[in-house]
Amino acid sequence: MRTLVVMAVLVTFSLPGVAQSFPAGSYLCTDANGIELGTMAVLKSGEYQLKSSTMESGEGHLGPYGSVVKPTGGPLATIQSSGTHKTDVDRRTVFEFTSEYGRIRCAAAQ
């Protein structure tokens, strides 16, 4: 019984760490019409760098709340964006944001 309790506690405390990290990589960002906006580089910690010729470029942080993403700094926070991130079975990740600028989709660069 004690072993079962210890295992349950370990699983409970290890899950948030898994859910709170982002897939690190480079993502191509487009608007709702598929027009390229720039690139976003993301670290597992949630730090990001956005490079764009049509929007403000800069660095910031993505706050993870499960699959919900809320930028807490940088250009994505400036345009009041919030969204989600999903990784499919082929390990391709997509970030989708709604913002003052409109819809923004950032997909892992192929």
PDB file of N, CA and C in Angstrom:
ATOM      1  N   MET A   1       0.821  -1.187   0.000  1.00  0.00           N
ATOM      2  CA  MET A   1       0.000   0.000   0.000  1.00  0.00           C
ATOM      3  C   MET A   1       0.873   1.262   0.000  1.00  0.00           C
ATOM      4  N   ARG A   2       1.931   1.234   0.824  1.00  0.00           N
ATOM      5  CA  ARG A   2       2.812   2.393   0.893  1.00  0.00           C
ATOM      6  C   ARG A   2       3.475   2.650  -0.460  1.00  0.00           C
ATOM      7  N   THR A   3       3.870   1.583  -1.154  1.00  0.00           N
ATOM      8  CA  THR A   3       4.493   1.712  -2.472  1.00  0.00           C
ATOM      9  C   THR A   3       3.536   2.371  -3.456  1.00  0.00           C
ATOM     10  N   LEU A   4       2.276   2.010  -3.411  1.00  0.00           N
ATOM     11  CA  LEU A   4       1.269   2.580  -4.295  1.00  0.00           C
ATOM     12  C   LEU A   4       1.117   4.083  -4.049  1.00  0.00           C
ATOM     13  N   VAL A   5       1.107   4.487  -2.801  1.00  0.00           N
ATOM     14  CA  VAL A   5       0.987   5.905  -2.446  1.00  0.00           C
ATOM     15  C   VAL A   5       2.215   6.676  -2.935  1.00  0.00           C
ATOM     16  N   VAL A   6       3.393   6.130  -2.702  1.00  0.00           N
ATOM     17  CA  VAL A   6       4.629   6.789  -3.147  1.00  0.00           C
ATOM     18  C   VAL A   6       4.636   6.935  -4.661  1.00  0.00           C
ATOM     19  N   MET A   7       4.221   5.910  -5.392  1.00  0.00           N
ATOM     20  CA  MET A   7       4.182   5.983  -6.861  1.00  0.00           C
ATOM     21  C   MET A   7       3.179   7.032  -7.315  1.00  0.00           C
ATOM     22  N   ALA A   8       2.029   7.103  -6.676  1.00  0.00           N
ATOM     23  CA  ALA A   8       1.020   8.098  -7.043  1.00  0.00           C
ATOM     24  C   ALA A   8       1.549   9.515  -6.838  1.00  0.00           C
ATOM     25  N   VAL A   9       2.260   9.743  -5.748  1.00  0.00           N
ATOM     26  CA  VAL A   9       2.845  11.058  -5.482  1.00  0.00           C
ATOM     27  C   VAL A   9       3.905  11.391  -6.527  1.00  0.00           C
ATOM     28  N   LEU A  10       4.756  10.454  -6.867  1.00  0.00           N
ATOM     29  CA  LEU A  10       5.794  10.689  -7.881  1.00  0.00           C
ATOM     30  C   LEU A  10       5.192  11.025  -9.233  1.00  0.00           C
ATOM     31  N   VAL A  11       4.163  10.297  -9.627  1.00  0.00           N
ATOM     32  CA  VAL A  11       3.506  10.573 -10.909  1.00  0.00           C
ATOM     33  C   VAL A  11       2.863  11.945 -10.885  1.00  0.00           C
ATOM     34  N   THR A  12       2.194  12.296  -9.803  1.00  0.00           N
ATOM     35  CA  THR A  12       1.530  13.589  -9.687  1.00  0.00           C
ATOM     36  C   THR A  12       2.515  14.735  -9.837  1.00  0.00           C
ATOM     37  N   PHE A  13       3.674  14.628  -9.185  1.00  0.00           N
ATOM     38  CA  PHE A  13       4.636  15.715  -9.250  1.00  0.00           C
ATOM     39  C   PHE A  13       5.467  15.725 -10.526  1.00  0.00           C
ATOM     40  N   SER A  14       5.529  14.638 -11.240  1.00  0.00           N
ATOM     41  CA  SER A  14       6.315  14.612 -12.473  1.00  0.00           C
ATOM     42  C   SER A  14       5.507  15.067 -13.675  1.00  0.00           C
ATOM     43  N   LEU A  15       4.199  14.923 -13.665  1.00  0.00           N
ATOM     44  CA  LEU A  15       3.375  15.304 -14.813  1.00  0.00           C
ATOM     45  C   LEU A  15       3.415  16.789 -15.133  1.00  0.00           C
ATOM     46  N   PRO A  16       3.294  17.700 -14.172  1.00  0.00           N
ATOM     47  CA  PRO A  16       3.331  19.116 -14.537  1.00  0.00           C
ATOM     48  C   PRO A  16       4.605  19.511 -15.253  1.00  0.00           C
ATOM     49  N   GLY A  17       5.741  18.920 -14.903  1.00  0.00           N
ATOM     50  CA  GLY A  17       6.992  19.242 -15.587  1.00  0.00           C
ATOM     51  C   GLY A  17       6.940  18.875 -17.050  1.00  0.00           C
ATOM     52  N   VAL A  18       6.290  17.774 -17.382  1.00  0.00           N
ATOM     53  CA  VAL A  18       6.156  17.360 -18.774  1.00  0.00           C
ATOM     54  C   VAL A  18       5.224  18.317 -19.515  1.00  0.00           C
ATOM     55  N   ALA A  19       4.117  18.667 -18.893  1.00  0.00           N
ATOM     56  CA  ALA A  19       3.114  19.514 -19.538  1.00  0.00           C
ATOM     57  C   ALA A  19       3.577  20.957 -19.670  1.00  0.00           C
ATOM     58  N   GLN A  20       4.567  21.371 -18.878  1.00  0.00           N
ATOM     59  CA  GLN A  20       4.970  22.759 -18.842  1.00  0.00           C
ATOM     60  C   GLN A  20       6.119  23.094 -19.790  1.00  0.00           C
ATOM     61  N   SER A  21       6.588  22.171 -20.586  1.00  0.00           N
ATOM     62  CA  SER A  21       7.671  22.484 -21.507  1.00  0.00           C
ATOM     63  C   SER A  21       7.140  22.523 -22.935  1.00  0.00           C
ATOM     64  N   PHE A  22       7.862  23.250 -23.771  1.00  0.00           N
ATOM     65  CA  PHE A  22       7.478  23.384 -25.171  1.00  0.00           C
ATOM     66  C   PHE A  22       8.448  22.610 -26.051  1.00  0.00           C
ATOM     67  N   PRO A  23       7.976  22.146 -27.208  1.00  0.00           N
ATOM     68  CA  PRO A  23       8.890  21.523 -28.166  1.00  0.00           C
ATOM     69  C   PRO A  23       9.830  22.590 -28.735  1.00  0.00           C
ATOM     70  N   ALA A  24      11.100  22.478 -28.436  1.00  0.00           N
ATOM     71  CA  ALA A  24      12.074  23.450 -28.936  1.00  0.00           C
ATOM     72  C   ALA A  24      12.208  23.298 -30.442  1.00  0.00           C
ATOM     73  N   GLY A  25      12.382  24.426 -31.112  1.00  0.00           N
ATOM     74  CA  GLY A  25      12.582  24.358 -32.551  1.00  0.00           C
ATOM     75  C   GLY A  25      12.306  25.677 -33.229  1.00  0.00           C
ATOM     76  N   SER A  26      12.335  25.613 -34.547  1.00  0.00           N
ATOM     77  CA  SER A  26      12.073  26.770 -35.392  1.00  0.00           C
ATOM     78  C   SER A  26      10.726  26.576 -36.080  1.00  0.00           C
ATOM     79  N   TYR A  27       9.900  27.612 -36.039  1.00  0.00           N
ATOM     80  CA  TYR A  27       8.541  27.539 -36.561  1.00  0.00           C
ATOM     81  C   TYR A  27       8.304  28.648 -37.577  1.00  0.00           C
ATOM     82  N   LEU A  28       7.684  28.299 -38.700  1.00  0.00           N
ATOM     83  CA  LEU A  28       7.319  29.268 -39.721  1.00  0.00           C
ATOM     84  C   LEU A  28       5.931  29.794 -39.381  1.00  0.00           C
ATOM     85  N   CYS A  29       5.785  31.113 -39.288  1.00  0.00           N
ATOM     86  CA  CYS A  29       4.516  31.731 -38.903  1.00  0.00           C
ATOM     87  C   CYS A  29       3.820  32.347 -40.114  1.00  0.00           C
ATOM     88  N   THR A  30       2.513  32.088 -40.210  1.00  0.00           N
ATOM     89  CA  THR A  30       1.687  32.622 -41.298  1.00  0.00           C
ATOM     90  C   THR A  30       0.415  33.231 -40.711  1.00  0.00           C
ATOM     91  N   ASP A  31      -0.245  34.077 -41.507  1.00  0.00           N
ATOM     92  CA  ASP A  31      -1.525  34.623 -41.062  1.00  0.00           C
ATOM     93  C   ASP A  31      -2.655  33.704 -41.518  1.00  0.00           C
ATOM     94  N   ALA A  32      -3.897  34.130 -41.307  1.00  0.00           N
ATOM     95  CA  ALA A  32      -5.060  33.297 -41.631  1.00  0.00           C
ATOM     96  C   ALA A  32      -5.160  32.983 -43.124  1.00  0.00           C
ATOM     97  N   ASN A  33      -4.520  33.802 -43.971  1.00  0.00           N
ATOM     98  CA  ASN A  33      -4.545  33.586 -45.422  1.00  0.00           C
ATOM     99  C   ASN A  33      -3.333  32.800 -45.911  1.00  0.00           C
ATOM    100  N   GLY A  34      -2.488  32.351 -45.001  1.00  0.00           N
ATOM    101  CA  GLY A  34      -1.307  31.584 -45.384  1.00  0.00           C
ATOM    102  C   GLY A  34      -0.126  32.442 -45.790  1.00  0.00           C
ATOM    103  N   ILE A  35      -0.231  33.763 -45.600  1.00  0.00           N
ATOM    104  CA  ILE A  35       0.867  34.667 -45.961  1.00  0.00           C
ATOM    105  C   ILE A  35       1.928  34.614 -44.865  1.00  0.00           C
ATOM    106  N   GLU A  36       3.179  34.431 -45.270  1.00  0.00           N
ATOM    107  CA  GLU A  36       4.280  34.291 -44.321  1.00  0.00           C
ATOM    108  C   GLU A  36       4.491  35.578 -43.537  1.00  0.00           C
ATOM    109  N   LEU A  37       4.557  35.441 -42.203  1.00  0.00           N
ATOM    110  CA  LEU A  37       4.799  36.577 -41.317  1.00  0.00           C
ATOM    111  C   LEU A  37       6.221  36.608 -40.789  1.00  0.00           C
ATOM    112  N   GLY A  38       6.853  35.443 -40.703  1.00  0.00           N
ATOM    113  CA  GLY A  38       8.210  35.371 -40.180  1.00  0.00           C
ATOM    114  C   GLY A  38       8.463  34.031 -39.527  1.00  0.00           C
ATOM    115  N   THR A  39       9.463  33.989 -38.633  1.00  0.00           N
ATOM    116  CA  THR A  39       9.813  32.750 -37.947  1.00  0.00           C
ATOM    117  C   THR A  39       9.835  32.980 -36.438  1.00  0.00           C
ATOM    118  N   MET A  40       9.565  31.907 -35.722  1.00  0.00           N
ATOM    119  CA  MET A  40       9.609  31.938 -34.265  1.00  0.00           C
ATOM    120  C   MET A  40      10.500  30.793 -33.807  1.00  0.00           C
ATOM    121  N   ALA A  41      11.536  31.115 -33.052  1.00  0.00           N
ATOM    122  CA  ALA A  41      12.399  30.099 -32.452  1.00  0.00           C
ATOM    123  C   ALA A  41      11.960  29.945 -30.997  1.00  0.00           C
ATOM    124  N   VAL A  42      11.743  28.701 -30.562  1.00  0.00           N
ATOM    125  CA  VAL A  42      11.243  28.432 -29.219  1.00  0.00           C
ATOM    126  C   VAL A  42      12.195  27.488 -28.484  1.00  0.00           C
ATOM    127  N   LEU A  43      12.463  27.811 -27.229  1.00  0.00           N
ATOM    128  CA  LEU A  43      13.219  26.923 -26.351  1.00  0.00           C
ATOM    129  C   LEU A  43      12.237  26.163 -25.463  1.00  0.00           C
ATOM    130  N   LYS A  44      12.647  25.028 -24.919  1.00  0.00           N
ATOM    131  CA  LYS A  44      11.775  24.241 -24.045  1.00  0.00           C
ATOM    132  C   LYS A  44      11.274  25.051 -22.858  1.00  0.00           C
ATOM    133  N   SER A  45      12.055  26.002 -22.407  1.00  0.00           N
ATOM    134  CA  SER A  45      11.682  26.828 -21.257  1.00  0.00           C
ATOM    135  C   SER A  45      10.541  27.784 -21.566  1.00  0.00           C
ATOM    136  N   GLY A  46      10.237  27.951 -22.856  1.00  0.00           N
ATOM    137  CA  GLY A  46       9.184  28.884 -23.250  1.00  0.00           C
ATOM    138  C   GLY A  46       9.705  30.201 -23.771  1.00  0.00           C
ATOM    139  N   GLU A  47      11.005  30.412 -23.684  1.00  0.00           N
ATOM    140  CA  GLU A  47      11.586  31.621 -24.266  1.00  0.00           C
ATOM    141  C   GLU A  47      11.433  31.538 -25.781  1.00  0.00           C
ATOM    142  N   TYR A  48      11.091  32.662 -26.416  1.00  0.00           N
ATOM    143  CA  TYR A  48      10.946  32.656 -27.868  1.00  0.00           C
ATOM    144  C   TYR A  48      11.565  33.902 -28.473  1.00  0.00           C
ATOM    145  N   GLN A  49      11.896  33.782 -29.753  1.00  0.00           N
ATOM    146  CA  GLN A  49      12.386  34.919 -30.518  1.00  0.00           C
ATOM    147  C   GLN A  49      11.588  34.952 -31.811  1.00  0.00           C
ATOM    148  N   LEU A  50      10.929  36.078 -32.056  1.00  0.00           N
ATOM    149  CA  LEU A  50      10.135  36.250 -33.267  1.00  0.00           C
ATOM    150  C   LEU A  50      10.885  37.179 -34.213  1.00  0.00           C
ATOM    151  N   LYS A  51      11.066  36.729 -35.461  1.00  0.00           N
ATOM    152  CA  LYS A  51      11.690  37.552 -36.504  1.00  0.00           C
ATOM    153  C   LYS A  51      10.668  37.737 -37.607  1.00  0.00           C
ATOM    154  N   SER A  52      10.324  38.993 -37.885  1.00  0.00           N
ATOM    155  CA  SER A  52       9.286  39.276 -38.874  1.00  0.00           C
ATOM    156  C   SER A  52       9.562  40.601 -39.563  1.00  0.00           C
ATOM    157  N   SER A  53       9.155  40.682 -40.819  1.00  0.00           N
ATOM    158  CA  SER A  53       9.260  41.948 -41.540  1.00  0.00           C
ATOM    159  C   SER A  53       7.914  42.674 -41.549  1.00  0.00           C
ATOM    160  N   THR A  54       6.859  42.017 -41.068  1.00  0.00           N
ATOM    161  CA  THR A  54       5.526  42.627 -41.074  1.00  0.00           C
ATOM    162  C   THR A  54       4.989  42.942 -39.680  1.00  0.00           C
ATOM    163  N   MET A  55       5.588  42.354 -38.640  1.00  0.00           N
ATOM    164  CA  MET A  55       5.177  42.597 -37.259  1.00  0.00           C
ATOM    165  C   MET A  55       6.417  42.976 -36.463  1.00  0.00           C
ATOM    166  N   GLU A  56       6.206  43.386 -35.218  1.00  0.00           N
ATOM    167  CA  GLU A  56       7.328  43.673 -34.333  1.00  0.00           C
ATOM    168  C   GLU A  56       8.136  42.398 -34.098  1.00  0.00           C
ATOM    169  N   SER A  57       9.437  42.494 -34.214  1.00  0.00           N
ATOM    170  CA  SER A  57      10.329  41.376 -33.903  1.00  0.00           C
ATOM    171  C   SER A  57      10.839  41.549 -32.480  1.00  0.00           C
ATOM    172  N   GLY A  58      11.273  40.453 -31.879  1.00  0.00           N
ATOM    173  CA  GLY A  58      11.847  40.550 -30.542  1.00  0.00           C
ATOM    174  C   GLY A  58      11.771  39.244 -29.802  1.00  0.00           C
ATOM    175  N   GLU A  59      12.136  39.303 -28.527  1.00  0.00           N
ATOM    176  CA  GLU A  59      12.168  38.123 -27.673  1.00  0.00           C
ATOM    177  C   GLU A  59      11.122  38.243 -26.585  1.00  0.00           C
ATOM    178  N   GLY A  60      10.643  37.097 -26.121  1.00  0.00           N
ATOM    179  CA  GLY A  60       9.649  37.086 -25.057  1.00  0.00           C
ATOM    180  C   GLY A  60       9.558  35.718 -24.420  1.00  0.00           C
ATOM    181  N   HIS A  61       8.479  35.508 -23.716  1.00  0.00           N
ATOM    182  CA  HIS A  61       8.264  34.244 -23.020  1.00  0.00           C
ATOM    183  C   HIS A  61       6.837  33.781 -23.251  1.00  0.00           C
ATOM    184  N   LEU A  62       6.675  32.471 -23.486  1.00  0.00           N
ATOM    185  CA  LEU A  62       5.361  31.857 -23.635  1.00  0.00           C
ATOM    186  C   LEU A  62       5.013  31.166 -22.320  1.00  0.00           C
ATOM    187  N   GLY A  63       3.918  31.558 -21.709  1.00  0.00           N
ATOM    188  CA  GLY A  63       3.482  30.923 -20.468  1.00  0.00           C
ATOM    189  C   GLY A  63       2.672  29.682 -20.788  1.00  0.00           C
ATOM    190  N   PRO A  64       3.117  28.516 -20.327  1.00  0.00           N
ATOM    191  CA  PRO A  64       2.398  27.278 -20.614  1.00  0.00           C
ATOM    192  C   PRO A  64       1.325  26.981 -19.566  1.00  0.00           C
ATOM    193  N   TYR A  65       0.163  26.631 -20.020  1.00  0.00           N
ATOM    194  CA  TYR A  65      -0.940  26.220 -19.152  1.00  0.00           C
ATOM    195  C   TYR A  65      -1.573  24.998 -19.804  1.00  0.00           C
ATOM    196  N   GLY A  66      -0.870  23.861 -19.756  1.00  0.00           N
ATOM    197  CA  GLY A  66      -1.315  22.672 -20.492  1.00  0.00           C
ATOM    198  C   GLY A  66      -1.114  22.924 -21.972  1.00  0.00           C
ATOM    199  N   SER A  67      -2.158  22.790 -22.785  1.00  0.00           N
ATOM    200  CA  SER A  67      -2.034  23.052 -24.221  1.00  0.00           C
ATOM    201  C   SER A  67      -2.301  24.523 -24.547  1.00  0.00           C
ATOM    202  N   VAL A  68      -2.693  25.322 -23.549  1.00  0.00           N
ATOM    203  CA  VAL A  68      -2.941  26.755 -23.752  1.00  0.00           C
ATOM    204  C   VAL A  68      -1.622  27.508 -23.645  1.00  0.00           C
ATOM    205  N   VAL A  69      -1.435  28.492 -24.522  1.00  0.00           N
ATOM    206  CA  VAL A  69      -0.215  29.294 -24.543  1.00  0.00           C
ATOM    207  C   VAL A  69      -0.601  30.760 -24.371  1.00  0.00           C
ATOM    208  N   LYS A  70       0.007  31.422 -23.400  1.00  0.00           N
ATOM    209  CA  LYS A  70      -0.232  32.846 -23.172  1.00  0.00           C
ATOM    210  C   LYS A  70       1.107  33.559 -23.120  1.00  0.00           C
ATOM    211  N   PRO A  71       1.448  34.326 -24.166  1.00  0.00           N
ATOM    212  CA  PRO A  71       2.697  35.080 -24.133  1.00  0.00           C
ATOM    213  C   PRO A  71       2.689  36.070 -22.969  1.00  0.00           C
ATOM    214  N   THR A  72       3.751  36.041 -22.169  1.00  0.00           N
ATOM    215  CA  THR A  72       3.840  36.937 -21.024  1.00  0.00           C
ATOM    216  C   THR A  72       4.869  38.035 -21.246  1.00  0.00           C
ATOM    217  N   GLY A  73       5.402  38.121 -22.434  1.00  0.00           N
ATOM    218  CA  GLY A  73       6.344  39.166 -22.781  1.00  0.00           C
ATOM    219  C   GLY A  73       6.683  39.095 -24.254  1.00  0.00           C
ATOM    220  N   GLY A  74       7.249  40.175 -24.765  1.00  0.00           N
ATOM    221  CA  GLY A  74       7.692  40.198 -26.150  1.00  0.00           C
ATOM    222  C   GLY A  74       6.601  40.608 -27.126  1.00  0.00           C
ATOM    223  N   PRO A  75       6.904  40.486 -28.424  1.00  0.00           N
ATOM    224  CA  PRO A  75       5.991  40.973 -29.449  1.00  0.00           C
ATOM    225  C   PRO A  75       4.627  40.269 -29.466  1.00  0.00           C
ATOM    226  N   LEU A  76       4.571  38.990 -29.129  1.00  0.00           N
ATOM    227  CA  LEU A  76       3.271  38.304 -29.118  1.00  0.00           C
ATOM    228  C   LEU A  76       2.393  38.809 -27.977  1.00  0.00           C
ATOM    229  N   ALA A  77       2.992  39.188 -26.859  1.00  0.00           N
ATOM    230  CA  ALA A  77       2.228  39.775 -25.754  1.00  0.00           C
ATOM    231  C   ALA A  77       1.754  41.180 -26.122  1.00  0.00           C
ATOM    232  N   THR A  78       2.590  41.922 -26.849  1.00  0.00           N
ATOM    233  CA  THR A  78       2.252  43.285 -27.254  1.00  0.00           C
ATOM    234  C   THR A  78       0.972  43.318 -28.093  1.00  0.00           C
ATOM    235  N   ILE A  79       0.774  42.302 -28.934  1.00  0.00           N
ATOM    236  CA  ILE A  79      -0.429  42.271 -29.780  1.00  0.00           C
ATOM    237  C   ILE A  79      -1.560  41.444 -29.145  1.00  0.00           C
ATOM    238  N   GLN A  80      -1.470  41.272 -27.819  1.00  0.00           N
ATOM    239  CA  GLN A  80      -2.533  40.614 -27.043  1.00  0.00           C
ATOM    240  C   GLN A  80      -2.894  39.235 -27.586  1.00  0.00           C
ATOM    241  N   SER A  81      -1.892  38.406 -27.863  1.00  0.00           N
ATOM    242  CA  SER A  81      -2.170  37.080 -28.415  1.00  0.00           C
ATOM    243  C   SER A  81      -2.301  36.031 -27.322  1.00  0.00           C
ATOM    244  N   SER A  82      -3.072  35.019 -27.634  1.00  0.00           N
ATOM    245  CA  SER A  82      -3.178  33.825 -26.798  1.00  0.00           C
ATOM    246  C   SER A  82      -3.516  32.685 -27.741  1.00  0.00           C
ATOM    247  N   GLY A  83      -3.258  31.471 -27.320  1.00  0.00           N
ATOM    248  CA  GLY A  83      -3.516  30.363 -28.239  1.00  0.00           C
ATOM    249  C   GLY A  83      -3.257  29.011 -27.634  1.00  0.00           C
ATOM    250  N   THR A  84      -2.922  28.081 -28.521  1.00  0.00           N
ATOM    251  CA  THR A  84      -2.697  26.697 -28.134  1.00  0.00           C
ATOM    252  C   THR A  84      -1.476  26.155 -28.869  1.00  0.00           C
ATOM    253  N   HIS A  85      -0.974  25.033 -28.384  1.00  0.00           N
ATOM    254  CA  HIS A  85       0.043  24.300 -29.135  1.00  0.00           C
ATOM    255  C   HIS A  85      -0.329  22.833 -29.096  1.00  0.00           C
ATOM    256  N   LYS A  86      -0.106  22.167 -30.222  1.00  0.00           N
ATOM    257  CA  LYS A  86      -0.412  20.749 -30.347  1.00  0.00           C
ATOM    258  C   LYS A  86       0.726  20.062 -31.080  1.00  0.00           C
ATOM    259  N   THR A  87       1.016  18.827 -30.664  1.00  0.00           N
ATOM    260  CA  THR A  87       2.007  18.005 -31.345  1.00  0.00           C
ATOM    261  C   THR A  87       1.307  16.740 -31.801  1.00  0.00           C
ATOM    262  N   ASP A  88       1.411  16.431 -33.105  1.00  0.00           N
ATOM    263  CA  ASP A  88       0.724  15.251 -33.642  1.00  0.00           C
ATOM    264  C   ASP A  88       1.566  13.990 -33.452  1.00  0.00           C
ATOM    265  N   VAL A  89       1.046  12.879 -33.930  1.00  0.00           N
ATOM    266  CA  VAL A  89       1.729  11.591 -33.746  1.00  0.00           C
ATOM    267  C   VAL A  89       3.084  11.533 -34.451  1.00  0.00           C
ATOM    268  N   ASP A  90       3.264  12.366 -35.481  1.00  0.00           N
ATOM    269  CA  ASP A  90       4.551  12.432 -36.180  1.00  0.00           C
ATOM    270  C   ASP A  90       5.495  13.441 -35.529  1.00  0.00           C
ATOM    271  N   ARG A  91       5.117  13.931 -34.354  1.00  0.00           N
ATOM    272  CA  ARG A  91       5.905  14.881 -33.567  1.00  0.00           C
ATOM    273  C   ARG A  91       6.074  16.232 -34.254  1.00  0.00           C
ATOM    274  N   ARG A  92       5.090  16.626 -35.069  1.00  0.00           N
ATOM    275  CA  ARG A  92       5.073  17.961 -35.672  1.00  0.00           C
ATOM    276  C   ARG A  92       4.224  18.858 -34.777  1.00  0.00           C
ATOM    277  N   THR A  93       4.787  19.994 -34.407  1.00  0.00           N
ATOM    278  CA  THR A  93       4.100  20.902 -33.492  1.00  0.00           C
ATOM    279  C   THR A  93       3.593  22.126 -34.224  1.00  0.00           C
ATOM    280  N   VAL A  94       2.405  22.574 -33.813  1.00  0.00           N
ATOM    281  CA  VAL A  94       1.788  23.780 -34.361  1.00  0.00           C
ATOM    282  C   VAL A  94       1.327  24.657 -33.205  1.00  0.00           C
ATOM    283  N   PHE A  95       1.687  25.937 -33.265  1.00  0.00           N
ATOM    284  CA  PHE A  95       1.170  26.943 -32.346  1.00  0.00           C
ATOM    285  C   PHE A  95       0.121  27.729 -33.121  1.00  0.00           C
ATOM    286  N   GLU A  96      -1.049  27.954 -32.522  1.00  0.00           N
ATOM    287  CA  GLU A  96      -2.089  28.772 -33.153  1.00  0.00           C
ATOM    288  C   GLU A  96      -2.497  29.853 -32.168  1.00  0.00           C
ATOM    289  N   PHE A  97      -2.395  31.113 -32.617  1.00  0.00           N
ATOM    290  CA  PHE A  97      -2.704  32.256 -31.773  1.00  0.00           C
ATOM    291  C   PHE A  97      -3.841  33.077 -32.375  1.00  0.00           C
ATOM    292  N   THR A  98      -4.621  33.706 -31.510  1.00  0.00           N
ATOM    293  CA  THR A  98      -5.518  34.783 -31.922  1.00  0.00           C
ATOM    294  C   THR A  98      -4.934  36.047 -31.310  1.00  0.00           C
ATOM    295  N   SER A  99      -5.039  37.157 -32.030  1.00  0.00           N
ATOM    296  CA  SER A  99      -4.398  38.384 -31.566  1.00  0.00           C
ATOM    297  C   SER A  99      -5.079  39.596 -32.178  1.00  0.00           C
ATOM    298  N   GLU A 100      -4.616  40.785 -31.781  1.00  0.00           N
ATOM    299  CA  GLU A 100      -5.087  42.018 -32.403  1.00  0.00           C
ATOM    300  C   GLU A 100      -4.761  42.019 -33.894  1.00  0.00           C
ATOM    301  N   TYR A 101      -3.713  41.319 -34.267  1.00  0.00           N
ATOM    302  CA  TYR A 101      -3.278  41.234 -35.667  1.00  0.00           C
ATOM    303  C   TYR A 101      -4.147  40.261 -36.468  1.00  0.00           C
ATOM    304  N   GLY A 102      -4.852  39.378 -35.787  1.00  0.00           N
ATOM    305  CA  GLY A 102      -5.638  38.335 -36.428  1.00  0.00           C
ATOM    306  C   GLY A 102      -5.100  36.973 -36.018  1.00  0.00           C
ATOM    307  N   ARG A 103      -5.438  35.958 -36.805  1.00  0.00           N
ATOM    308  CA  ARG A 103      -4.963  34.599 -36.520  1.00  0.00           C
ATOM    309  C   ARG A 103      -3.521  34.433 -36.974  1.00  0.00           C
ATOM    310  N   ILE A 104      -2.728  33.784 -36.131  1.00  0.00           N
ATOM    311  CA  ILE A 104      -1.339  33.492 -36.463  1.00  0.00           C
ATOM    312  C   ILE A 104      -1.112  32.007 -36.214  1.00  0.00           C
ATOM    313  N   ARG A 105      -0.531  31.350 -37.215  1.00  0.00           N
ATOM    314  CA  ARG A 105      -0.223  29.919 -37.115  1.00  0.00           C
ATOM    315  C   ARG A 105       1.270  29.739 -37.319  1.00  0.00           C
ATOM    316  N   CYS A 106       1.914  29.091 -36.355  1.00  0.00           N
ATOM    317  CA  CYS A 106       3.357  28.819 -36.436  1.00  0.00           C
ATOM    318  C   CYS A 106       3.561  27.311 -36.412  1.00  0.00           C
ATOM    319  N   ALA A 107       4.042  26.766 -37.530  1.00  0.00           N
ATOM    320  CA  ALA A 107       4.224  25.336 -37.663  1.00  0.00           C
ATOM    321  C   ALA A 107       5.712  25.017 -37.780  1.00  0.00           C
ATOM    322  N   ALA A 108       6.081  23.867 -37.247  1.00  0.00           N
ATOM    323  CA  ALA A 108       7.479  23.440 -37.299  1.00  0.00           C
ATOM    324  C   ALA A 108       7.990  23.491 -38.729  1.00  0.00           C
ATOM    325  N   ALA A 109       9.139  24.122 -38.905  1.00  0.00           N
ATOM    326  CA  ALA A 109       9.749  24.227 -40.230  1.00  0.00           C
ATOM    327  C   ALA A 109      10.121  22.827 -40.713  1.00  0.00           C
ATOM    328  N   GLN A 110       9.839  22.542 -41.963  1.00  0.00           N
ATOM    329  CA  GLN A 110      10.111  21.220 -42.535  1.00  0.00           C
ATOM    330  C   GLN A 110      11.543  21.126 -43.006  1.00  0.00           C
TER     331      GLN A 110
END
